[in-house]
Protein backbone atom coordinates (compact mmCIF):
# COMPACT_ATOMS: atom_id res chain seq x y z
CA MET A 1 -77.79 -28.95 1.83
CA LYS A 2 -78.43 -29.01 5.64
CA TYR A 3 -78.81 -25.45 7.10
CA LYS A 4 -78.28 -24.72 11.03
CA GLY A 5 -82.09 -23.48 11.51
CA THR A 6 -84.56 -21.57 9.70
CA ARG A 7 -83.17 -18.60 9.78
CA GLU A 8 -79.78 -19.24 8.20
CA ALA A 9 -82.32 -21.33 5.41
CA ALA A 10 -84.07 -18.08 5.30
CA SER A 11 -81.24 -16.18 4.78
CA VAL A 12 -79.65 -18.49 1.96
CA ALA A 13 -82.77 -18.45 -0.58
CA LEU A 14 -82.97 -14.63 0.09
CA GLN A 15 -79.35 -14.29 -1.07
CA GLU A 16 -79.87 -16.88 -4.02
CA LEU A 17 -83.14 -15.14 -4.89
CA ALA A 18 -81.24 -12.04 -5.05
CA GLY A 19 -78.42 -13.28 -7.53
CA GLN A 20 -81.42 -13.76 -9.62
CA ASP A 21 -83.59 -10.82 -9.24
CA GLU A 22 -82.97 -7.37 -8.94
CA ARG A 23 -86.21 -6.67 -7.32
CA VAL A 24 -84.86 -8.16 -3.92
CA VAL A 25 -84.01 -6.21 -1.01
CA PHE A 26 -82.92 -7.11 2.25
CA VAL A 27 -84.44 -4.34 5.36
CA SER A 28 -82.86 -4.96 8.14
CA SER A 29 -84.51 -3.51 12.13
CA ASP A 30 -81.08 -4.51 13.51
CA SER A 31 -81.43 -8.01 12.81
CA LEU A 32 -78.45 -8.92 10.24
CA LYS A 33 -76.72 -10.89 13.01
CA ALA A 34 -80.12 -12.60 14.15
CA MET A 35 -80.96 -13.42 10.41
CA ARG A 36 -77.55 -15.08 9.84
CA ALA A 37 -77.56 -12.56 6.73
CA VAL A 38 -73.97 -11.06 6.88
CA ALA A 39 -73.25 -12.58 3.75
CA PHE A 40 -76.10 -11.11 2.34
CA ALA A 41 -75.14 -7.70 3.34
CA GLU A 42 -71.32 -8.55 1.82
CA GLN A 43 -72.42 -9.52 -1.39
CA TYR A 44 -74.87 -7.33 -2.27
CA PRO A 45 -74.44 -3.69 0.06
CA ASP A 46 -76.58 -1.72 -2.42
CA ARG A 47 -79.50 -4.14 -1.55
CA TYR A 48 -79.07 -4.08 2.21
CA ILE A 49 -80.88 -1.34 4.13
CA GLU A 50 -80.24 -0.69 7.93
CA CYS A 51 -82.96 0.78 9.79
CA GLY A 52 -82.04 0.11 13.61
CA ILE A 53 -84.05 -0.75 16.19
CA ALA A 54 -87.15 0.49 14.36
CA GLU A 55 -89.69 -1.53 12.94
CA GLN A 56 -92.27 0.22 12.34
CA GLY A 57 -89.69 2.25 10.16
CA SER A 58 -88.47 -0.81 8.67
CA VAL A 59 -91.74 -1.56 7.49
CA ASP A 60 -92.72 1.87 6.09
CA VAL A 61 -89.41 1.80 4.21
CA ALA A 62 -90.32 -1.95 2.74
CA ALA A 63 -93.77 -0.01 1.73
CA GLY A 64 -91.99 2.71 -0.20
CA LEU A 65 -89.74 0.36 -2.31
CA ALA A 66 -92.52 -1.92 -3.01
CA ALA A 67 -94.64 0.98 -4.67
CA CYS A 68 -91.62 1.89 -6.66
CA GLY A 69 -91.39 -1.44 -7.81
CA ALA A 70 -88.79 -3.38 -5.68
CA MET A 71 -89.48 -6.26 -3.61
CA PRO A 72 -88.55 -5.91 -0.22
CA PHE A 73 -87.95 -8.90 2.56
CA VAL A 74 -88.21 -7.28 6.23
CA ALA A 75 -87.15 -9.91 8.36
CA THR A 76 -86.61 -9.82 12.29
CA TYR A 77 -88.03 -11.03 15.24
CA ALA A 78 -91.74 -11.84 14.84
CA GLY A 79 -93.27 -10.25 17.65
CA PHE A 80 -91.34 -6.98 16.99
CA LEU A 81 -92.94 -7.41 13.60
CA THR A 82 -96.70 -8.15 14.33
CA MET A 83 -97.14 -6.08 17.29
CA ARG A 84 -94.83 -3.50 16.94
CA ALA A 85 -95.39 -2.58 13.52
CA CYS A 86 -98.76 -3.93 13.03
CA GLU A 87 -100.19 -0.90 12.23
CA GLN A 88 -97.89 -0.40 9.22
CA MET A 89 -98.15 -4.13 7.62
CA ARG A 90 -101.55 -3.59 7.86
CA THR A 91 -102.16 -0.34 6.81
CA PHE A 92 -99.45 0.94 4.48
CA VAL A 93 -98.82 -2.98 3.47
CA ALA A 94 -101.81 -4.99 3.21
CA TYR A 95 -104.48 -2.41 2.73
CA PRO A 96 -102.33 -1.02 -0.85
CA GLN A 97 -101.75 -4.97 -1.36
CA LEU A 98 -97.97 -3.99 -1.93
CA ASN A 99 -95.34 -6.73 -2.61
CA VAL A 100 -93.46 -6.71 0.52
CA LYS A 101 -92.06 -10.33 2.48
CA PHE A 102 -92.05 -10.55 6.02
CA ILE A 103 -89.77 -13.27 7.37
CA GLY A 104 -90.46 -13.22 11.70
CA ILE A 105 -88.06 -15.24 13.71
CA ASN A 106 -88.21 -16.69 17.68
CA ALA A 107 -91.35 -17.50 17.14
CA GLY A 108 -93.67 -19.30 19.37
CA LEU A 109 -92.50 -20.76 22.93
CA ILE A 110 -90.11 -22.64 21.73
CA GLY A 111 -88.62 -20.26 19.47
CA GLY A 112 -88.04 -17.80 22.07
CA GLU A 113 -87.17 -20.09 25.07
CA ARG A 114 -84.10 -18.66 26.35
CA GLU A 115 -85.31 -15.01 26.71
CA GLY A 116 -88.62 -15.80 28.17
CA VAL A 117 -91.94 -14.48 27.40
CA THR A 118 -90.76 -10.84 26.00
CA HIS A 119 -89.07 -13.05 22.90
CA GLN A 120 -91.61 -15.72 23.08
CA PHE A 121 -94.38 -14.78 20.19
CA TYR A 122 -97.12 -16.69 20.48
CA GLU A 123 -99.80 -14.26 18.83
CA ASP A 124 -98.32 -13.46 15.24
CA LEU A 125 -100.49 -15.56 13.50
CA ALA A 126 -103.68 -14.44 15.19
CA ILE A 127 -102.67 -10.82 14.35
CA LEU A 128 -101.96 -11.51 10.93
CA SER A 129 -104.98 -13.48 10.24
CA ALA A 130 -107.50 -10.79 11.23
CA ILE A 131 -105.08 -8.40 8.13
CA PRO A 132 -106.85 -8.74 4.89
CA HIS A 133 -104.58 -9.96 1.70
CA PHE A 134 -102.19 -11.49 4.08
CA THR A 135 -100.61 -14.98 3.10
CA ILE A 136 -99.35 -16.93 5.89
CA PHE A 137 -96.96 -19.62 5.90
CA THR A 138 -95.61 -21.71 8.63
CA PRO A 139 -92.91 -24.49 7.31
CA ALA A 140 -92.16 -26.90 9.50
CA ASP A 141 -88.01 -26.61 9.59
CA ALA A 142 -85.43 -25.20 8.35
CA GLN A 143 -85.37 -27.15 4.16
CA GLN A 144 -89.10 -25.79 4.07
CA THR A 145 -88.21 -22.45 5.28
CA TYR A 146 -85.86 -22.64 2.51
CA GLU A 147 -88.47 -23.75 0.33
CA ALA A 148 -90.96 -20.95 1.41
CA VAL A 149 -88.78 -17.82 0.59
CA LYS A 150 -88.55 -19.22 -2.90
CA ALA A 151 -92.30 -19.81 -2.83
CA ALA A 152 -92.98 -16.33 -1.27
CA SER A 153 -91.10 -14.43 -3.91
CA GLN A 154 -94.05 -15.80 -6.59
CA ILE A 155 -96.41 -14.58 -4.60
CA ASP A 156 -97.29 -10.37 -5.84
CA GLY A 157 -98.67 -9.32 -2.62
CA PRO A 158 -97.80 -9.29 0.99
CA VAL A 159 -96.41 -12.95 2.66
CA TYR A 160 -95.51 -13.81 6.26
CA ILE A 161 -93.12 -16.62 6.60
CA ARG A 162 -92.88 -17.96 10.12
CA ALA A 163 -89.73 -18.89 11.73
CA GLY A 164 -87.40 -20.47 14.17
CA SER A 165 -84.23 -19.89 16.16
CA GLY A 166 -82.08 -22.37 14.64
CA ARG A 167 -82.69 -25.17 16.78
CA GLU A 168 -85.42 -26.92 15.06
CA PRO A 169 -85.63 -30.84 13.99
CA ASP A 170 -85.52 -31.89 10.54
CA ILE A 171 -88.81 -33.05 9.02
CA TYR A 172 -88.70 -32.94 5.35
CA PRO A 173 -85.79 -34.78 3.03
CA GLU A 174 -84.03 -32.13 1.13
CA GLY A 175 -85.45 -30.54 -1.79
CA THR A 176 -89.18 -30.96 -1.00
CA PRO A 177 -91.30 -28.20 -2.53
CA PHE A 178 -93.34 -26.19 -0.39
CA SER A 179 -96.73 -27.71 -0.44
CA MET A 180 -98.87 -24.83 -2.49
CA ASP A 181 -101.94 -27.30 -1.15
CA GLY A 182 -101.66 -25.84 2.20
CA PHE A 183 -101.34 -29.05 3.62
CA THR A 184 -99.19 -31.96 3.42
CA VAL A 185 -100.03 -35.74 4.65
CA LEU A 186 -96.65 -37.13 7.02
CA ARG A 187 -97.98 -40.49 7.83
CA SER A 188 -101.40 -42.20 8.11
CA SER A 189 -102.81 -45.09 9.67
CA GLY A 190 -106.57 -44.84 9.44
CA ASN A 191 -109.09 -42.30 10.11
CA ASP A 192 -110.19 -42.43 13.53
CA ILE A 193 -108.13 -39.00 14.25
CA LEU A 194 -106.75 -36.43 12.60
CA LEU A 195 -103.57 -34.74 13.59
CA LEU A 196 -103.21 -31.31 12.33
CA ALA A 197 -99.96 -29.40 13.25
CA ASN A 198 -97.35 -26.74 11.74
CA GLY A 199 -94.29 -25.38 12.49
CA PHE A 200 -91.84 -26.70 14.94
CA ILE A 201 -93.61 -29.26 16.91
CA LEU A 202 -94.69 -31.13 14.25
CA ASN A 203 -91.56 -33.61 15.39
CA ARG A 204 -93.53 -34.29 18.41
CA VAL A 205 -96.93 -34.82 16.34
CA LEU A 206 -95.49 -37.47 14.75
CA ASP A 207 -94.19 -39.11 17.59
CA ALA A 208 -97.39 -39.16 19.36
CA GLY A 209 -99.21 -40.62 15.65
CA THR A 210 -96.72 -43.44 15.94
CA MET A 211 -97.82 -44.10 19.58
CA LEU A 212 -101.50 -44.03 18.87
CA ALA A 213 -100.74 -46.22 15.62
CA LYS A 214 -99.05 -48.85 18.12
CA GLN A 215 -102.32 -48.65 20.27
CA GLY A 216 -104.74 -49.47 17.27
CA ILE A 217 -105.86 -46.28 16.56
CA GLY A 218 -106.15 -45.08 13.04
CA VAL A 219 -104.24 -41.86 13.03
CA THR A 220 -103.57 -39.29 10.28
CA VAL A 221 -100.97 -36.62 10.73
CA ALA A 222 -100.72 -33.76 8.45
CA ASP A 223 -98.74 -30.26 8.28
CA VAL A 224 -100.92 -27.78 7.13
CA ASN A 225 -98.00 -25.21 6.03
CA ILE A 226 -100.56 -22.22 4.63
CA LEU A 227 -102.81 -20.43 7.26
CA TYR A 228 -106.23 -19.20 6.09
CA GLN A 229 -105.85 -20.23 2.48
CA ARG A 230 -108.07 -18.24 -0.09
CA GLU A 231 -108.99 -21.71 -1.81
CA PRO A 232 -109.03 -24.71 0.71
CA GLU A 233 -111.01 -26.92 -1.21
CA LYS A 234 -108.03 -29.91 -1.24
CA LEU A 235 -107.91 -29.33 2.68
CA LEU A 236 -111.22 -30.25 3.57
CA ALA A 237 -111.32 -32.93 1.32
CA LEU A 238 -108.92 -34.07 3.78
CA LEU A 239 -111.30 -32.61 6.69
CA GLN A 240 -114.03 -34.36 5.31
CA LYS A 241 -112.59 -38.02 5.77
CA PHE A 242 -112.69 -37.60 9.68
CA ASN A 243 -115.57 -36.55 12.38
CA THR A 244 -112.59 -36.57 15.34
CA ILE A 245 -109.77 -33.69 14.74
CA VAL A 246 -107.33 -32.42 16.87
CA THR A 247 -105.04 -29.30 16.13
CA VAL A 248 -101.19 -28.70 17.64
CA GLU A 249 -99.51 -25.45 17.63
CA ASP A 250 -96.95 -23.70 19.32
CA HIS A 251 -99.08 -20.46 19.70
CA ASN A 252 -102.14 -19.44 21.30
CA VAL A 253 -105.17 -21.88 20.90
CA ASN A 254 -107.03 -18.67 19.28
CA GLY A 255 -106.27 -17.25 16.11
CA GLY A 256 -103.85 -19.74 14.53
CA LEU A 257 -104.27 -23.61 13.35
CA GLY A 258 -106.92 -24.09 15.37
CA SER A 259 -109.10 -21.41 14.84
CA TYR A 260 -108.49 -21.59 10.64
CA ILE A 261 -109.91 -25.10 11.47
CA CYS A 262 -112.68 -24.82 13.53
CA GLY A 263 -113.86 -22.59 10.86
CA LEU A 264 -113.51 -24.70 7.93
CA THR A 265 -115.46 -27.58 9.87
CA ALA A 266 -118.05 -25.39 10.92
CA GLU A 267 -118.43 -23.77 7.46
CA TYR A 268 -118.13 -27.00 5.48
CA HIS A 269 -117.78 -30.39 7.59
CA PRO A 270 -119.43 -30.13 11.22
CA ALA A 271 -117.01 -32.55 13.25
CA HIS A 272 -115.14 -32.69 16.61
CA VAL A 273 -112.63 -30.18 16.42
CA TYR A 274 -109.87 -29.87 19.61
CA ARG A 275 -107.34 -27.37 19.99
CA PHE A 276 -104.23 -27.94 21.84
CA GLY A 277 -101.60 -24.85 21.85
CA LEU A 278 -101.25 -22.34 24.61
CA ASN A 279 -104.40 -21.36 26.42
CA ASN A 280 -104.52 -18.56 28.55
CA THR A 281 -100.51 -18.65 29.82
CA PHE A 282 -97.66 -16.95 28.65
CA GLY A 283 -94.60 -18.74 28.79
CA GLU A 284 -91.43 -18.91 30.88
CA SER A 285 -87.67 -19.24 29.90
CA GLY A 286 -86.06 -22.60 30.16
CA ALA A 287 -84.85 -25.20 27.76
CA ALA A 288 -86.72 -25.94 24.36
CA LYS A 289 -87.18 -29.26 25.36
CA GLU A 290 -88.51 -29.27 28.77
CA LEU A 291 -90.72 -26.13 27.89
CA ALA A 292 -91.88 -27.85 25.52
CA ASP A 293 -92.82 -30.71 27.75
CA TYR A 294 -93.96 -28.82 30.37
CA TYR A 295 -96.82 -26.95 28.46
CA GLY A 296 -98.26 -30.24 27.40
CA PHE A 297 -96.24 -30.68 24.14
CA SER A 298 -94.58 -34.21 25.07
CA ALA A 299 -95.23 -36.83 22.73
CA GLU A 300 -96.78 -38.63 25.21
CA GLY A 301 -98.96 -36.06 26.66
CA LEU A 302 -100.25 -34.85 23.10
CA ALA A 303 -100.97 -39.21 22.19
CA GLU A 304 -103.02 -38.97 25.57
CA TYR A 305 -105.09 -36.34 24.70
CA ALA A 306 -105.92 -36.92 21.25
CA LYS A 307 -107.20 -40.84 22.27
CA SER A 308 -109.09 -39.24 25.03
CA LYS A 309 -110.93 -37.36 22.36
CA LEU A 310 -112.12 -40.16 20.51
């Protein structure tokens, strides 16, 4: 089925999981409507816990539930989780390796475009990448977010799923599983440049790859949907085919996808890696397309950037 963005897709998956597994609980930080999860609360009122605007308390509640055998999902704005409740996620969930899942919405510049810097979150991946035991999912569209929630339920331990605001373009055909390899090659015309991206900027990167291919440049575009994977051997096999790698992410250039790839290449396959993202700047309010273009994420801009690195 088609979903109206990643928030709805996550909530549909969560509701289906609740019907299959009585351990599933939705813990809300006054985020029921933001998560499009009213139907969950109506169907499973005993498994919907409303904590109000208290993200730190929500994580503590979830930790207590998980310690008693439940599988709580805490879902609210990405930054309010990873910044306001960072200590709780670290000390009371990750340290004891409790089975708590987190869904962070409005992630990235594009995810919170209308509300500006207070609701644009491009530090979340960097924060969690520094905390042991977290599995980090960065699904590319609504369909993949649905699959990511299902996949997270199969992992024993804390998982963070990065979601958007509801206007994410479709990338994957319906029913495509969430790749536990940690990446998917979406397009390939050669090995001159490897374009790596994740999340809701991926459609622009695909368009940039098409432009480069039309210029006779051999370009491969891949979606990296798991960051800081514990067993990245398959991704390493892909990286080792290229000497020029460009990462593109709707996130700070530090601590996210670019840092992940730089670490892998530095340790296993020295290559030229160029990171494109938000660099020492905050975002502004505005329409998603205009904001993305303004910060250099136009397909034309990305193609020109990648070509200049050959």
